[in-house]
Amino acid sequence: MSAWLHEAEFWVVVAFIIFVIMMIKPVTGVMMGALDQRIAKIREEVEEAQRLREEAQAALASYQRRQREA
């Protein structure tokens, strides 16, 4: 039973598993930060598009009023 404790392959696997576990948190932190930035950028673009649409609707209404008056 304890023979596998003396084999190098076992300790390589243990070290690899520890390494993977230690790298999960920083990698997910970087990925979440990038996703948060992307979400903020998309949200800003949507708000800008809504603002532009409202301005365009106001301009259209103004032009339609002018056309009716003419």
PDB file of N, CA and C in Angstrom:
ATOM      1  N   MET A   1       0.806  -1.192   0.000  1.00  0.00           N
ATOM      2  CA  MET A   1       0.000   0.000   0.000  1.00  0.00           C
ATOM      3  C   MET A   1       0.855   1.264   0.000  1.00  0.00           C
ATOM      4  N   SER A   2       1.876   1.319   0.794  1.00  0.00           N
ATOM      5  CA  SER A   2       2.697   2.523   0.851  1.00  0.00           C
ATOM      6  C   SER A   2       3.761   2.544  -0.236  1.00  0.00           C
ATOM      7  N   ALA A   3       3.765   1.553  -1.110  1.00  0.00           N
ATOM      8  CA  ALA A   3       4.755   1.524  -2.186  1.00  0.00           C
ATOM      9  C   ALA A   3       4.518   2.664  -3.164  1.00  0.00           C
ATOM     10  N   TRP A   4       3.261   3.024  -3.409  1.00  0.00           N
ATOM     11  CA  TRP A   4       2.986   4.104  -4.358  1.00  0.00           C
ATOM     12  C   TRP A   4       3.371   5.460  -3.786  1.00  0.00           C
ATOM     13  N   LEU A   5       3.534   5.557  -2.459  1.00  0.00           N
ATOM     14  CA  LEU A   5       3.995   6.815  -1.853  1.00  0.00           C
ATOM     15  C   LEU A   5       5.454   7.108  -2.198  1.00  0.00           C
ATOM     16  N   HIS A   6       6.184   6.097  -2.600  1.00  0.00           N
ATOM     17  CA  HIS A   6       7.595   6.260  -2.910  1.00  0.00           C
ATOM     18  C   HIS A   6       7.845   6.427  -4.412  1.00  0.00           C
ATOM     19  N   GLU A   7       6.797   6.442  -5.199  1.00  0.00           N
ATOM     20  CA  GLU A   7       6.967   6.573  -6.646  1.00  0.00           C
ATOM     21  C   GLU A   7       6.840   8.028  -7.056  1.00  0.00           C
ATOM     22  N   ALA A   8       7.712   8.413  -7.998  1.00  0.00           N
ATOM     23  CA  ALA A   8       7.763   9.805  -8.439  1.00  0.00           C
ATOM     24  C   ALA A   8       6.490  10.217  -9.172  1.00  0.00           C
ATOM     25  N   GLU A   9       5.891   9.314  -9.913  1.00  0.00           N
ATOM     26  CA  GLU A   9       4.693   9.644 -10.671  1.00  0.00           C
ATOM     27  C   GLU A   9       3.551  10.091  -9.746  1.00  0.00           C
ATOM     28  N   PHE A  10       3.429   9.453  -8.608  1.00  0.00           N
ATOM     29  CA  PHE A  10       2.397   9.821  -7.645  1.00  0.00           C
ATOM     30  C   PHE A  10       2.577  11.264  -7.189  1.00  0.00           C
ATOM     31  N   TRP A  11       3.810  11.640  -6.865  1.00  0.00           N
ATOM     32  CA  TRP A  11       4.062  12.996  -6.380  1.00  0.00           C
ATOM     33  C   TRP A  11       3.937  14.030  -7.496  1.00  0.00           C
ATOM     34  N   VAL A  12       4.207  13.633  -8.722  1.00  0.00           N
ATOM     35  CA  VAL A  12       3.986  14.538  -9.848  1.00  0.00           C
ATOM     36  C   VAL A  12       2.499  14.817  -9.998  1.00  0.00           C
ATOM     37  N   VAL A  13       1.687  13.789  -9.875  1.00  0.00           N
ATOM     38  CA  VAL A  13       0.234  13.965  -9.963  1.00  0.00           C
ATOM     39  C   VAL A  13      -0.265  14.834  -8.808  1.00  0.00           C
ATOM     40  N   VAL A  14       0.214  14.587  -7.613  1.00  0.00           N
ATOM     41  CA  VAL A  14      -0.192  15.390  -6.449  1.00  0.00           C
ATOM     42  C   VAL A  14       0.205  16.846  -6.655  1.00  0.00           C
ATOM     43  N   ALA A  15       1.425  17.090  -7.104  1.00  0.00           N
ATOM     44  CA  ALA A  15       1.888  18.458  -7.336  1.00  0.00           C
ATOM     45  C   ALA A  15       1.072  19.133  -8.440  1.00  0.00           C
ATOM     46  N   PHE A  16       0.739  18.393  -9.473  1.00  0.00           N
ATOM     47  CA  PHE A  16      -0.062  18.960 -10.564  1.00  0.00           C
ATOM     48  C   PHE A  16      -1.451  19.340 -10.081  1.00  0.00           C
ATOM     49  N   ILE A  17      -2.065  18.489  -9.292  1.00  0.00           N
ATOM     50  CA  ILE A  17      -3.401  18.779  -8.766  1.00  0.00           C
ATOM     51  C   ILE A  17      -3.356  20.019  -7.871  1.00  0.00           C
ATOM     52  N   ILE A  18      -2.342  20.109  -7.025  1.00  0.00           N
ATOM     53  CA  ILE A  18      -2.201  21.284  -6.158  1.00  0.00           C
ATOM     54  C   ILE A  18      -1.997  22.540  -7.006  1.00  0.00           C
ATOM     55  N   PHE A  19      -1.182  22.446  -8.032  1.00  0.00           N
ATOM     56  CA  PHE A  19      -0.933  23.574  -8.923  1.00  0.00           C
ATOM     57  C   PHE A  19      -2.220  24.025  -9.611  1.00  0.00           C
ATOM     58  N   VAL A  20      -2.993  23.100 -10.109  1.00  0.00           N
ATOM     59  CA  VAL A  20      -4.248  23.436 -10.789  1.00  0.00           C
ATOM     60  C   VAL A  20      -5.206  24.113  -9.821  1.00  0.00           C
ATOM     61  N   ILE A  21      -5.319  23.588  -8.622  1.00  0.00           N
ATOM     62  CA  ILE A  21      -6.213  24.179  -7.627  1.00  0.00           C
ATOM     63  C   ILE A  21      -5.769  25.597  -7.278  1.00  0.00           C
ATOM     64  N   MET A  22      -4.470  25.802  -7.153  1.00  0.00           N
ATOM     65  CA  MET A  22      -3.957  27.133  -6.822  1.00  0.00           C
ATOM     66  C   MET A  22      -4.145  28.124  -7.965  1.00  0.00           C
ATOM     67  N   MET A  23      -4.179  27.659  -9.198  1.00  0.00           N
ATOM     68  CA  MET A  23      -4.309  28.552 -10.350  1.00  0.00           C
ATOM     69  C   MET A  23      -5.759  28.869 -10.696  1.00  0.00           C
ATOM     70  N   ILE A  24      -6.694  28.120 -10.166  1.00  0.00           N
ATOM     71  CA  ILE A  24      -8.107  28.348 -10.515  1.00  0.00           C
ATOM     72  C   ILE A  24      -8.559  29.730 -10.068  1.00  0.00           C
ATOM     73  N   LYS A  25      -8.259  30.129  -8.852  1.00  0.00           N
ATOM     74  CA  LYS A  25      -8.744  31.406  -8.330  1.00  0.00           C
ATOM     75  C   LYS A  25      -8.194  32.597  -9.106  1.00  0.00           C
ATOM     76  N   PRO A  26      -6.893  32.721  -9.344  1.00  0.00           N
ATOM     77  CA  PRO A  26      -6.418  33.885 -10.102  1.00  0.00           C
ATOM     78  C   PRO A  26      -6.948  33.922 -11.534  1.00  0.00           C
ATOM     79  N   VAL A  27      -7.037  32.770 -12.157  1.00  0.00           N
ATOM     80  CA  VAL A  27      -7.513  32.733 -13.538  1.00  0.00           C
ATOM     81  C   VAL A  27      -8.986  33.134 -13.605  1.00  0.00           C
ATOM     82  N   THR A  28      -9.790  32.622 -12.689  1.00  0.00           N
ATOM     83  CA  THR A  28     -11.205  32.987 -12.700  1.00  0.00           C
ATOM     84  C   THR A  28     -11.380  34.458 -12.340  1.00  0.00           C
ATOM     85  N   GLY A  29     -10.510  34.980 -11.476  1.00  0.00           N
ATOM     86  CA  GLY A  29     -10.570  36.403 -11.141  1.00  0.00           C
ATOM     87  C   GLY A  29     -10.299  37.272 -12.351  1.00  0.00           C
ATOM     88  N   VAL A  30      -9.311  36.910 -13.138  1.00  0.00           N
ATOM     89  CA  VAL A  30      -8.995  37.661 -14.350  1.00  0.00           C
ATOM     90  C   VAL A  30     -10.137  37.562 -15.347  1.00  0.00           C
ATOM     91  N   MET A  31     -10.681  36.364 -15.506  1.00  0.00           N
ATOM     92  CA  MET A  31     -11.789  36.176 -16.448  1.00  0.00           C
ATOM     93  C   MET A  31     -13.017  36.963 -16.011  1.00  0.00           C
ATOM     94  N   MET A  32     -13.328  36.954 -14.735  1.00  0.00           N
ATOM     95  CA  MET A  32     -14.490  37.694 -14.244  1.00  0.00           C
ATOM     96  C   MET A  32     -14.290  39.189 -14.410  1.00  0.00           C
ATOM     97  N   GLY A  33     -13.071  39.663 -14.177  1.00  0.00           N
ATOM     98  CA  GLY A  33     -12.783  41.079 -14.374  1.00  0.00           C
ATOM     99  C   GLY A  33     -12.971  41.484 -15.827  1.00  0.00           C
ATOM    100  N   ALA A  34     -12.501  40.662 -16.733  1.00  0.00           N
ATOM    101  CA  ALA A  34     -12.662  40.952 -18.158  1.00  0.00           C
ATOM    102  C   ALA A  34     -14.138  40.931 -18.554  1.00  0.00           C
ATOM    103  N   LEU A  35     -14.876  39.978 -18.022  1.00  0.00           N
ATOM    104  CA  LEU A  35     -16.313  39.909 -18.329  1.00  0.00           C
ATOM    105  C   LEU A  35     -17.052  41.113 -17.759  1.00  0.00           C
ATOM    106  N   ASP A  36     -16.679  41.547 -16.556  1.00  0.00           N
ATOM    107  CA  ASP A  36     -17.316  42.714 -15.955  1.00  0.00           C
ATOM    108  C   ASP A  36     -17.063  43.963 -16.798  1.00  0.00           C
ATOM    109  N   GLN A  37     -15.839  44.109 -17.300  1.00  0.00           N
ATOM    110  CA  GLN A  37     -15.523  45.254 -18.158  1.00  0.00           C
ATOM    111  C   GLN A  37     -16.329  45.195 -19.443  1.00  0.00           C
ATOM    112  N   ARG A  38     -16.445  44.028 -20.012  1.00  0.00           N
ATOM    113  CA  ARG A  38     -17.220  43.872 -21.249  1.00  0.00           C
ATOM    114  C   ARG A  38     -18.698  44.190 -21.000  1.00  0.00           C
ATOM    115  N   ILE A  39     -19.229  43.731 -19.889  1.00  0.00           N
ATOM    116  CA  ILE A  39     -20.625  44.017 -19.555  1.00  0.00           C
ATOM    117  C   ILE A  39     -20.836  45.518 -19.408  1.00  0.00           C
ATOM    118  N   ALA A  40     -19.906  46.194 -18.735  1.00  0.00           N
ATOM    119  CA  ALA A  40     -20.028  47.640 -18.553  1.00  0.00           C
ATOM    120  C   ALA A  40     -19.987  48.358 -19.897  1.00  0.00           C
ATOM    121  N   LYS A  41     -19.105  47.915 -20.788  1.00  0.00           N
ATOM    122  CA  LYS A  41     -18.999  48.545 -22.106  1.00  0.00           C
ATOM    123  C   LYS A  41     -20.293  48.343 -22.903  1.00  0.00           C
ATOM    124  N   ILE A  42     -20.830  47.141 -22.883  1.00  0.00           N
ATOM    125  CA  ILE A  42     -22.071  46.856 -23.609  1.00  0.00           C
ATOM    126  C   ILE A  42     -23.221  47.668 -23.020  1.00  0.00           C
ATOM    127  N   ARG A  43     -23.273  47.773 -21.697  1.00  0.00           N
ATOM    128  CA  ARG A  43     -24.328  48.552 -21.047  1.00  0.00           C
ATOM    129  C   ARG A  43     -24.251  50.023 -21.484  1.00  0.00           C
ATOM    130  N   GLU A  44     -23.036  50.575 -21.542  1.00  0.00           N
ATOM    131  CA  GLU A  44     -22.860  51.957 -21.993  1.00  0.00           C
ATOM    132  C   GLU A  44     -23.310  52.126 -23.442  1.00  0.00           C
ATOM    133  N   GLU A  45     -22.982  51.150 -24.280  1.00  0.00           N
ATOM    134  CA  GLU A  45     -23.376  51.231 -25.681  1.00  0.00           C
ATOM    135  C   GLU A  45     -24.893  51.171 -25.835  1.00  0.00           C
ATOM    136  N   VAL A  46     -25.549  50.335 -25.047  1.00  0.00           N
ATOM    137  CA  VAL A  46     -27.004  50.234 -25.104  1.00  0.00           C
ATOM    138  C   VAL A  46     -27.641  51.546 -24.640  1.00  0.00           C
ATOM    139  N   GLU A  47     -27.122  52.115 -23.564  1.00  0.00           N
ATOM    140  CA  GLU A  47     -27.654  53.393 -23.076  1.00  0.00           C
ATOM    141  C   GLU A  47     -27.459  54.495 -24.111  1.00  0.00           C
ATOM    142  N   GLU A  48     -26.305  54.521 -24.749  1.00  0.00           N
ATOM    143  CA  GLU A  48     -26.040  55.509 -25.803  1.00  0.00           C
ATOM    144  C   GLU A  48     -27.000  55.318 -26.971  1.00  0.00           C
ATOM    145  N   ALA A  49     -27.247  54.078 -27.348  1.00  0.00           N
ATOM    146  CA  ALA A  49     -28.168  53.795 -28.450  1.00  0.00           C
ATOM    147  C   ALA A  49     -29.580  54.246 -28.089  1.00  0.00           C
ATOM    148  N   GLN A  50     -29.988  54.016 -26.855  1.00  0.00           N
ATOM    149  CA  GLN A  50     -31.315  54.461 -26.429  1.00  0.00           C
ATOM    150  C   GLN A  50     -31.415  55.985 -26.462  1.00  0.00           C
ATOM    151  N   ARG A  51     -30.363  56.651 -26.012  1.00  0.00           N
ATOM    152  CA  ARG A  51     -30.355  58.113 -26.022  1.00  0.00           C
ATOM    153  C   ARG A  51     -30.433  58.642 -27.449  1.00  0.00           C
ATOM    154  N   LEU A  52     -29.666  58.047 -28.340  1.00  0.00           N
ATOM    155  CA  LEU A  52     -29.686  58.469 -29.743  1.00  0.00           C
ATOM    156  C   LEU A  52     -31.050  58.213 -30.380  1.00  0.00           C
ATOM    157  N   ARG A  53     -31.671  57.109 -30.019  1.00  0.00           N
ATOM    158  CA  ARG A  53     -33.000  56.802 -30.559  1.00  0.00           C
ATOM    159  C   ARG A  53     -34.017  57.834 -30.093  1.00  0.00           C
ATOM    160  N   GLU A  54     -33.943  58.203 -28.829  1.00  0.00           N
ATOM    161  CA  GLU A  54     -34.865  59.208 -28.305  1.00  0.00           C
ATOM    162  C   GLU A  54     -34.655  60.553 -28.997  1.00  0.00           C
ATOM    163  N   GLU A  55     -33.388  60.909 -29.224  1.00  0.00           N
ATOM    164  CA  GLU A  55     -33.096  62.160 -29.940  1.00  0.00           C
ATOM    165  C   GLU A  55     -33.633  62.100 -31.365  1.00  0.00           C
ATOM    166  N   ALA A  56     -33.470  60.972 -32.018  1.00  0.00           N
ATOM    167  CA  ALA A  56     -33.953  60.825 -33.391  1.00  0.00           C
ATOM    168  C   ALA A  56     -35.479  60.896 -33.431  1.00  0.00           C
ATOM    169  N   GLN A  57     -36.148  60.302 -32.458  1.00  0.00           N
ATOM    170  CA  GLN A  57     -37.610  60.372 -32.413  1.00  0.00           C
ATOM    171  C   GLN A  57     -38.072  61.807 -32.180  1.00  0.00           C
ATOM    172  N   ALA A  58     -37.358  62.529 -31.324  1.00  0.00           N
ATOM    173  CA  ALA A  58     -37.717  63.929 -31.075  1.00  0.00           C
ATOM    174  C   ALA A  58     -37.511  64.757 -32.344  1.00  0.00           C
ATOM    175  N   ALA A  59     -36.418  64.521 -33.048  1.00  0.00           N
ATOM    176  CA  ALA A  59     -36.153  65.256 -34.288  1.00  0.00           C
ATOM    177  C   ALA A  59     -37.219  64.914 -35.338  1.00  0.00           C
ATOM    178  N   LEU A  60     -37.594  63.660 -35.439  1.00  0.00           N
ATOM    179  CA  LEU A  60     -38.630  63.249 -36.389  1.00  0.00           C
ATOM    180  C   LEU A  60     -39.955  63.934 -36.066  1.00  0.00           C
ATOM    181  N   ALA A  61     -40.322  63.958 -34.812  1.00  0.00           N
ATOM    182  CA  ALA A  61     -41.566  64.622 -34.412  1.00  0.00           C
ATOM    183  C   ALA A  61     -41.506  66.109 -34.753  1.00  0.00           C
ATOM    184  N   SER A  62     -40.360  66.720 -34.539  1.00  0.00           N
ATOM    185  CA  SER A  62     -40.198  68.141 -34.863  1.00  0.00           C
ATOM    186  C   SER A  62     -40.352  68.372 -36.359  1.00  0.00           C
ATOM    187  N   TYR A  63     -39.725  67.538 -37.171  1.00  0.00           N
ATOM    188  CA  TYR A  63     -39.831  67.682 -38.627  1.00  0.00           C
ATOM    189  C   TYR A  63     -41.264  67.427 -39.098  1.00  0.00           C
ATOM    190  N   GLN A  64     -41.943  66.472 -38.479  1.00  0.00           N
ATOM    191  CA  GLN A  64     -43.325  66.201 -38.865  1.00  0.00           C
ATOM    192  C   GLN A  64     -44.233  67.378 -38.508  1.00  0.00           C
ATOM    193  N   ARG A  65     -43.986  68.030 -37.371  1.00  0.00           N
ATOM    194  CA  ARG A  65     -44.755  69.225 -37.008  1.00  0.00           C
ATOM    195  C   ARG A  65     -44.518  70.343 -38.012  1.00  0.00           C
ATOM    196  N   ARG A  66     -43.243  70.542 -38.375  1.00  0.00           N
ATOM    197  CA  ARG A  66     -42.908  71.581 -39.347  1.00  0.00           C
ATOM    198  C   ARG A  66     -43.589  71.310 -40.700  1.00  0.00           C
ATOM    199  N   GLN A  67     -43.615  70.021 -41.080  1.00  0.00           N
ATOM    200  CA  GLN A  67     -44.217  69.651 -42.368  1.00  0.00           C
ATOM    201  C   GLN A  67     -45.725  69.916 -42.347  1.00  0.00           C
ATOM    202  N   ARG A  68     -46.378  69.594 -41.249  1.00  0.00           N
ATOM    203  CA  ARG A  68     -47.810  69.857 -41.135  1.00  0.00           C
ATOM    204  C   ARG A  68     -48.111  71.352 -41.157  1.00  0.00           C
ATOM    205  N   GLU A  69     -47.235  72.130 -40.524  1.00  0.00           N
ATOM    206  CA  GLU A  69     -47.434  73.577 -40.472  1.00  0.00           C
ATOM    207  C   GLU A  69     -47.221  74.236 -41.832  1.00  0.00           C
ATOM    208  N   ALA A  70     -46.366  73.613 -42.636  1.00  0.00           N
ATOM    209  CA  ALA A  70     -46.056  74.220 -43.936  1.00  0.00           C
ATOM    210  C   ALA A  70     -47.141  74.005 -44.963  1.00  0.00           C
TER     211      ALA A  70
END
